[in-house]
Amino acid sequence: MSMEIKPLANLPDADRAKAVLERLRREFLPIAKARGYTVTSLSEMCCCGDAGRRGNGRGRGGRLMSNNVWGYNQSSGRRGTCRISIRLRQPADHGAILPYEDAAGTMAHELAHCVHGNHSAAFYKLMDEIAEQHAEYVAKGLVVDRDGFPMGGQSHTLGGRGGGVRHTGGSGTGGGGGG
């Protein structure tokens, strides 16, 4: 299963936004797979329009996106199969990439919509479970940074006793994401 990445290439810091989407894919794809969800694409959304339609106030597919919408899950009609769009930038300031933790929280929220369409108690319970599963996967090194190192709290020494390179995965920021 793959998850296509769709950043907004025409906005400032498009490479940084792409890196955030790639990190979200790297960290959340194992969770989606484990839960039986199929996310076909992960897109950046913008409050004023995507894909060169800047200034018209509409997001993907012509949907009006207000400043308080941080993401949406567009179901394909089959339970667990969807496309997810996430806001990566401050509304009205395309140069200000949001903290990675905000995007990760939104991703957990949108994955919960793979099962529950409304914001019920069951939805929020599932969203919390997904967020906890994400934290566990990162802490246990079950997700890796773009160099292939586990993104957890453990340290790895390469090259034997005292020599070589030391990689510490404690920060969880590997992969060049949004910070």
Protein backbone atom coordinates (compact mmCIF):
# COMPACT_ATOMS: atom_id res chain seq x y z
CA MET A 1 0.00 0.00 0.00
CA SER A 2 1.37 3.42 -0.86
CA MET A 3 0.26 6.88 0.16
CA GLU A 4 0.81 9.52 -2.52
CA ILE A 5 2.22 12.82 -1.20
CA LYS A 6 0.80 16.06 -2.63
CA PRO A 7 2.42 19.28 -1.36
CA LEU A 8 1.48 22.69 -2.77
CA ALA A 9 4.50 23.27 -4.99
CA ASN A 10 3.59 26.88 -5.79
CA LEU A 11 3.84 28.11 -2.17
CA PRO A 12 6.99 29.24 -0.31
CA ASP A 13 9.02 26.51 1.43
CA ALA A 14 7.40 23.79 -0.70
CA ASP A 15 10.37 21.48 0.00
CA ARG A 16 9.87 21.87 3.75
CA ALA A 17 6.13 21.21 3.43
CA LYS A 18 6.90 18.11 1.34
CA ALA A 19 9.30 16.91 4.07
CA VAL A 20 6.53 17.28 6.68
CA LEU A 21 4.12 15.24 4.51
CA GLU A 22 6.80 12.58 3.96
CA ARG A 23 7.42 12.37 7.71
CA LEU A 24 3.67 12.05 8.36
CA ARG A 25 3.54 9.23 5.82
CA ARG A 26 6.58 7.50 7.33
CA GLU A 27 5.19 7.70 10.86
CA PHE A 28 1.49 7.07 10.24
CA LEU A 29 1.47 4.59 7.34
CA PRO A 30 2.45 1.69 9.66
CA ILE A 31 -0.45 2.66 11.95
CA ALA A 32 -2.91 2.87 9.05
CA LYS A 33 -1.75 -0.54 7.79
CA ALA A 34 -2.00 -2.12 11.25
CA ARG A 35 -5.58 -0.86 11.54
CA GLY A 36 -6.59 -1.93 8.04
CA TYR A 37 -7.01 1.61 6.67
CA THR A 38 -6.04 2.57 3.14
CA VAL A 39 -4.98 6.21 2.74
CA THR A 40 -4.45 6.73 -0.98
CA SER A 41 -3.08 10.27 -0.72
CA LEU A 42 -1.86 12.80 1.82
CA SER A 43 -2.19 16.38 0.56
CA GLU A 44 -1.31 19.80 1.83
CA MET A 45 -4.38 22.04 2.03
CA CYS A 46 -4.49 25.81 2.10
CA CYS A 47 -7.12 28.26 3.29
CA CYS A 48 -7.04 30.37 0.13
CA GLY A 49 -6.95 27.68 -2.54
CA ASP A 50 -4.73 24.88 -3.79
CA ALA A 51 -2.89 24.10 -7.00
CA GLY A 52 -2.44 27.62 -8.30
CA ARG A 53 -5.96 28.84 -7.51
CA ARG A 54 -4.67 31.24 -4.86
CA GLY A 55 -7.07 33.88 -3.62
CA ASN A 56 -10.40 32.16 -4.30
CA GLY A 57 -10.98 30.83 -0.76
CA ARG A 58 -11.43 27.23 -1.85
CA GLY A 59 -9.51 24.06 -1.08
CA ARG A 60 -9.20 20.82 -3.05
CA GLY A 61 -12.24 20.03 -5.13
CA GLY A 62 -13.60 23.57 -4.74
CA ARG A 63 -14.51 23.04 -1.05
CA LEU A 64 -14.51 26.24 0.99
CA MET A 65 -11.93 25.94 3.76
CA SER A 66 -12.26 28.30 6.70
CA ASN A 67 -9.29 29.22 8.87
CA ASN A 68 -10.38 26.84 11.66
CA VAL A 69 -10.27 23.73 9.44
CA TRP A 70 -6.95 21.93 10.00
CA GLY A 71 -7.64 18.92 7.80
CA TYR A 72 -10.23 16.69 6.24
CA ASN A 73 -10.72 13.06 5.36
CA GLN A 74 -12.43 12.37 2.06
CA SER A 75 -13.83 8.84 2.10
CA SER A 76 -13.94 6.75 -1.04
CA GLY A 77 -17.15 5.07 0.14
CA ARG A 78 -15.35 1.95 1.36
CA ARG A 79 -14.83 1.83 5.12
CA GLY A 80 -11.23 2.68 5.94
CA THR A 81 -10.29 3.95 2.45
CA CYS A 82 -9.76 7.68 2.06
CA ARG A 83 -7.68 10.67 1.01
CA ILE A 84 -6.44 13.03 3.72
CA SER A 85 -5.63 16.73 3.40
CA ILE A 86 -3.84 18.62 6.18
CA ARG A 87 -3.10 22.30 6.72
CA LEU A 88 0.65 22.78 7.15
CA ARG A 89 0.77 26.60 7.15
CA GLN A 90 -0.69 29.41 9.21
CA PRO A 91 -3.88 30.82 7.64
CA ALA A 92 -3.09 33.93 5.57
CA ASP A 93 0.70 33.42 5.99
CA HIS A 94 1.98 30.88 3.51
CA GLY A 95 5.54 31.22 4.75
CA ALA A 96 4.81 30.09 8.32
CA ILE A 97 4.91 26.29 8.51
CA LEU A 98 3.05 24.99 11.57
CA PRO A 99 4.87 22.90 14.21
CA TYR A 100 5.12 19.22 13.27
CA GLU A 101 3.23 18.23 16.42
CA ASP A 102 0.15 20.12 15.13
CA ALA A 103 0.26 18.24 11.82
CA ALA A 104 0.72 14.90 13.63
CA GLY A 105 -2.28 15.62 15.87
CA THR A 106 -4.37 16.49 12.84
CA MET A 107 -3.24 13.27 11.14
CA ALA A 108 -4.42 11.21 14.14
CA HIS A 109 -7.75 13.10 14.00
CA GLU A 110 -8.21 12.44 10.28
CA LEU A 111 -7.27 8.75 10.60
CA ALA A 112 -10.01 8.38 13.22
CA HIS A 113 -12.44 9.58 10.55
CA CYS A 114 -11.63 6.39 8.60
CA VAL A 115 -13.99 4.68 11.05
CA HIS A 116 -16.18 7.41 12.57
CA GLY A 117 -17.62 10.19 10.41
CA ASN A 118 -18.89 12.32 13.27
CA HIS A 119 -17.14 13.72 16.33
CA SER A 120 -18.70 11.29 18.81
CA ALA A 121 -17.23 9.92 22.03
CA ALA A 122 -16.17 6.81 20.07
CA PHE A 123 -14.40 9.04 17.53
CA TYR A 124 -12.39 10.85 20.22
CA LYS A 125 -11.54 7.57 21.94
CA LEU A 126 -10.18 6.19 18.65
CA MET A 127 -8.31 9.44 17.93
CA ASP A 128 -6.62 9.21 21.34
CA GLU A 129 -5.73 5.54 20.68
CA ILE A 130 -4.14 6.47 17.34
CA ALA A 131 -2.18 9.34 18.93
CA GLU A 132 -0.96 6.99 21.69
CA GLN A 133 -0.05 4.33 19.12
CA HIS A 134 1.93 6.95 17.19
CA ALA A 135 3.85 7.96 20.32
CA GLU A 136 4.58 4.29 21.10
CA TYR A 137 5.76 3.55 17.54
CA VAL A 138 8.15 6.52 17.63
CA ALA A 139 9.40 5.66 21.16
CA LYS A 140 10.03 2.01 20.22
CA GLY A 141 11.79 2.93 16.99
CA LEU A 142 9.13 1.28 14.82
CA VAL A 143 9.31 4.29 12.51
CA VAL A 144 12.58 5.49 11.03
CA ASP A 145 13.98 8.82 9.95
CA ARG A 146 14.87 9.43 6.32
CA ASP A 147 18.35 7.98 6.92
CA GLY A 148 16.90 4.69 8.18
CA PHE A 149 17.57 5.24 11.89
CA PRO A 150 14.85 4.42 14.45
CA MET A 151 13.13 7.55 15.74
CA GLY A 152 12.89 6.52 19.36
CA GLY A 153 14.51 7.13 22.70
CA GLN A 154 17.29 4.58 22.26
CA SER A 155 20.84 5.35 21.17
CA HIS A 156 22.86 3.31 18.71
CA THR A 157 26.65 3.20 18.44
CA LEU A 158 28.02 2.20 15.07
CA GLY A 159 31.56 0.88 14.63
CA GLY A 160 32.21 -1.00 17.85
CA ARG A 161 33.74 0.10 21.16
CA GLY A 162 34.29 3.80 21.54
CA GLY A 163 34.75 4.46 17.83
CA GLY A 164 32.36 5.13 15.06
CA VAL A 165 29.29 7.26 14.81
CA ARG A 166 26.69 7.72 17.53
CA HIS A 167 23.06 8.33 16.62
CA THR A 168 20.65 9.45 19.30
CA GLY A 169 17.00 9.18 18.34
CA GLY A 170 15.59 10.85 21.45
CA SER A 171 14.22 14.00 19.86
CA GLY A 172 11.95 12.30 17.33
CA THR A 173 12.66 15.11 14.89
CA GLY A 174 14.60 13.09 12.32
CA GLY A 175 13.34 13.21 8.78
CA GLY A 176 13.55 16.95 8.24
CA GLY A 177 9.95 17.62 9.24
CA GLY A 178 8.48 20.87 10.36
CA GLY A 179 10.36 21.14 13.63
